[in-house]
Amino acid sequence: VLDHPATLQGKRVLDFASGSGMVAIAALKAGAAELTAADIDPFCATVIALNLEANGVKADFLDADSIGTDDGWDVVLAGDVFYDKPLAERLTPWFTSLNARGADILVGDPGRAYLPKTGLRSLAVYQVPVTRVLEDAEVKRTTVWRWVSAASA
């Protein structure tokens, strides 16, 4: 999905809940002009910095809760963020408002319970090997969704 020429080329991108920064790195390698990796986990700053350096790319890091903010991003990438009801209830109106003003919202989701049931369009499906200790299967069917309208949780 990120390698489609128009998706990220020259865009300002937010990698929300960036974790290790792998999506941020992929976005930069796919042509994002400017990238902010955001995560509230204090360990992420170091991990992301090391991964960016190892991959020869640069990004800003935001160590604050960015939900509800709008820094004019063209694209927001969010991987596996609908695992918790209170978080989903905060994300849905934020993603909807960003999308309403023109941001492209892409959500990677392995079938979490609180992913909205409407307002999303499937872009790609992947079979992702996961750790059995953390998940209910050895492989998770993971979909990349585009936020297309006012979704409801």
Protein backbone atom coordinates (compact mmCIF):
# COMPACT_ATOMS: atom_id res chain seq x y z
CA VAL A 1 0.00 0.00 0.00
CA LEU A 2 2.77 2.47 0.91
CA ASP A 3 4.57 1.84 -2.37
CA HIS A 4 1.72 3.24 -4.48
CA PRO A 5 3.26 6.38 -6.07
CA ALA A 6 0.55 8.86 -5.05
CA THR A 7 0.09 7.63 -1.50
CA LEU A 8 3.09 9.29 0.17
CA GLN A 9 5.24 10.99 -2.46
CA GLY A 10 6.06 14.50 -1.24
CA LYS A 11 3.51 14.33 1.61
CA ARG A 12 3.64 15.39 5.25
CA VAL A 13 3.01 12.21 7.23
CA LEU A 14 2.19 11.31 10.83
CA ASP A 15 3.03 7.78 11.95
CA PHE A 16 0.65 7.60 14.92
CA ALA A 17 1.55 5.10 17.70
CA SER A 18 4.81 4.54 15.86
CA GLY A 19 6.26 1.92 18.21
CA SER A 20 9.57 0.89 16.68
CA GLY A 21 9.28 3.27 13.74
CA MET A 22 9.08 0.59 11.05
CA VAL A 23 6.05 2.18 9.35
CA ALA A 24 7.77 5.58 9.54
CA ILE A 25 10.83 4.12 7.81
CA ALA A 26 8.70 2.50 5.11
CA ALA A 27 6.87 5.81 4.55
CA LEU A 28 10.13 7.73 4.22
CA LYS A 29 11.52 5.18 1.79
CA ALA A 30 8.26 5.44 -0.17
CA GLY A 31 8.79 9.17 -0.66
CA ALA A 32 7.25 11.02 2.28
CA ALA A 33 8.71 14.54 2.31
CA GLU A 34 8.33 15.06 6.04
CA LEU A 35 7.50 12.55 8.75
CA THR A 36 6.61 12.72 12.41
CA ALA A 37 6.72 9.49 14.39
CA ALA A 38 4.50 9.85 17.46
CA ASP A 39 4.27 7.57 20.47
CA ILE A 40 3.64 8.09 24.18
CA ASP A 41 5.77 5.10 25.22
CA PRO A 42 9.03 6.57 26.62
CA PHE A 43 11.10 3.70 25.19
CA CYS A 44 10.01 4.46 21.64
CA ALA A 45 12.14 7.58 21.24
CA THR A 46 15.35 5.58 21.55
CA VAL A 47 14.14 2.61 19.52
CA ILE A 48 12.86 4.83 16.71
CA ALA A 49 16.07 6.90 16.66
CA LEU A 50 18.18 3.75 16.38
CA ASN A 51 15.98 2.28 13.63
CA LEU A 52 15.94 5.54 11.65
CA GLU A 53 19.73 5.74 11.83
CA ALA A 54 20.16 2.09 10.84
CA ASN A 55 17.97 2.72 7.79
CA GLY A 56 19.56 6.03 6.80
CA VAL A 57 16.43 8.16 7.12
CA LYS A 58 15.39 11.08 9.32
CA ALA A 59 12.10 11.92 11.04
CA ASP A 60 10.84 14.06 13.87
CA PHE A 61 9.68 12.34 17.06
CA LEU A 62 6.67 13.49 19.07
CA ASP A 63 6.45 12.08 22.59
CA ALA A 64 3.02 13.48 23.39
CA ASP A 65 -0.58 12.41 23.01
CA SER A 66 -1.40 13.76 19.56
CA ILE A 67 -5.05 12.65 19.53
CA GLY A 68 -7.21 15.66 18.77
CA THR A 69 -4.36 17.71 17.30
CA ASP A 70 -3.88 18.67 13.67
CA ASP A 71 -0.50 19.72 12.36
CA GLY A 72 -1.70 19.74 8.77
CA TRP A 73 -0.55 16.21 7.92
CA ASP A 74 -1.47 14.99 4.45
CA VAL A 75 -1.43 11.36 5.56
CA VAL A 76 -1.89 9.69 8.96
CA LEU A 77 -0.69 6.11 9.34
CA ALA A 78 -1.95 4.09 12.31
CA GLY A 79 -1.09 0.45 12.93
CA ASP A 80 -3.04 -1.76 15.33
CA VAL A 81 -4.62 1.02 17.38
CA PHE A 82 -8.21 -0.25 17.80
CA TYR A 83 -7.47 -2.81 20.54
CA ASP A 84 -9.05 -0.82 23.39
CA LYS A 85 -12.54 0.72 23.61
CA PRO A 86 -11.57 4.02 25.30
CA LEU A 87 -8.78 4.55 22.76
CA ALA A 88 -11.10 3.71 19.85
CA GLU A 89 -13.66 6.18 21.19
CA ARG A 90 -10.98 8.92 21.07
CA LEU A 91 -9.54 7.92 17.71
CA THR A 92 -12.78 7.71 15.73
CA PRO A 93 -13.77 11.40 15.95
CA TRP A 94 -10.15 12.51 15.50
CA PHE A 95 -9.62 10.42 12.37
CA THR A 96 -13.02 11.53 11.07
CA SER A 97 -12.18 15.21 11.53
CA LEU A 98 -8.73 14.86 9.93
CA ASN A 99 -10.30 13.00 7.02
CA ALA A 100 -13.04 15.63 6.65
CA ARG A 101 -10.43 18.34 6.12
CA GLY A 102 -8.63 16.22 3.52
CA ALA A 103 -6.09 14.02 5.30
CA ASP A 104 -5.71 10.47 4.04
CA ILE A 105 -6.03 8.11 7.03
CA LEU A 106 -4.61 4.58 6.61
CA VAL A 107 -5.18 2.06 9.39
CA GLY A 108 -3.51 -1.34 9.64
CA ASP A 109 -5.64 -3.68 11.73
CA PRO A 110 -5.42 -7.41 12.54
CA GLY A 111 -9.12 -7.75 13.33
CA ARG A 112 -9.33 -5.92 16.64
CA ALA A 113 -12.73 -5.71 18.31
CA TYR A 114 -13.03 -1.92 18.33
CA LEU A 115 -12.19 -1.19 14.71
CA PRO A 116 -15.18 0.76 13.34
CA LYS A 117 -17.53 -1.40 11.29
CA THR A 118 -18.36 1.35 8.78
CA GLY A 119 -16.57 4.16 7.00
CA LEU A 120 -13.54 2.09 5.96
CA ARG A 121 -12.44 0.67 2.62
CA SER A 122 -10.08 -2.31 2.44
CA LEU A 123 -6.92 -1.57 0.45
CA ALA A 124 -4.86 -4.71 1.05
CA VAL A 125 -4.86 -7.89 3.13
CA TYR A 126 -1.73 -9.57 4.50
CA GLN A 127 -1.05 -12.76 6.44
CA VAL A 128 1.31 -11.67 9.23
CA PRO A 129 3.24 -14.13 11.41
CA VAL A 130 2.86 -13.16 15.09
CA THR A 131 3.98 -14.35 18.49
CA ARG A 132 1.57 -16.97 19.82
CA VAL A 133 2.27 -15.79 23.38
CA LEU A 134 0.74 -12.38 22.55
CA GLU A 135 -1.93 -13.33 20.03
CA ASP A 136 -4.63 -15.97 19.60
CA ALA A 137 -3.05 -17.46 16.46
CA GLU A 138 0.35 -17.89 14.83
CA VAL A 139 -0.68 -15.86 11.78
CA LYS A 140 -3.03 -12.85 11.82
CA ARG A 141 -5.00 -11.74 8.80
CA THR A 142 -4.22 -8.03 8.76
CA THR A 143 -6.01 -5.47 6.62
CA VAL A 144 -4.93 -1.99 5.60
CA TRP A 145 -8.00 0.23 5.62
CA ARG A 146 -8.60 3.71 4.22
CA TRP A 147 -10.84 5.95 6.34
CA VAL A 148 -13.49 7.08 3.85
CA SER A 149 -16.29 8.66 5.87
CA ALA A 150 -17.62 9.32 9.31
CA ALA A 151 -17.00 5.94 10.90
CA SER A 152 -18.78 4.92 14.06
CA ALA A 153 -17.36 2.72 16.77
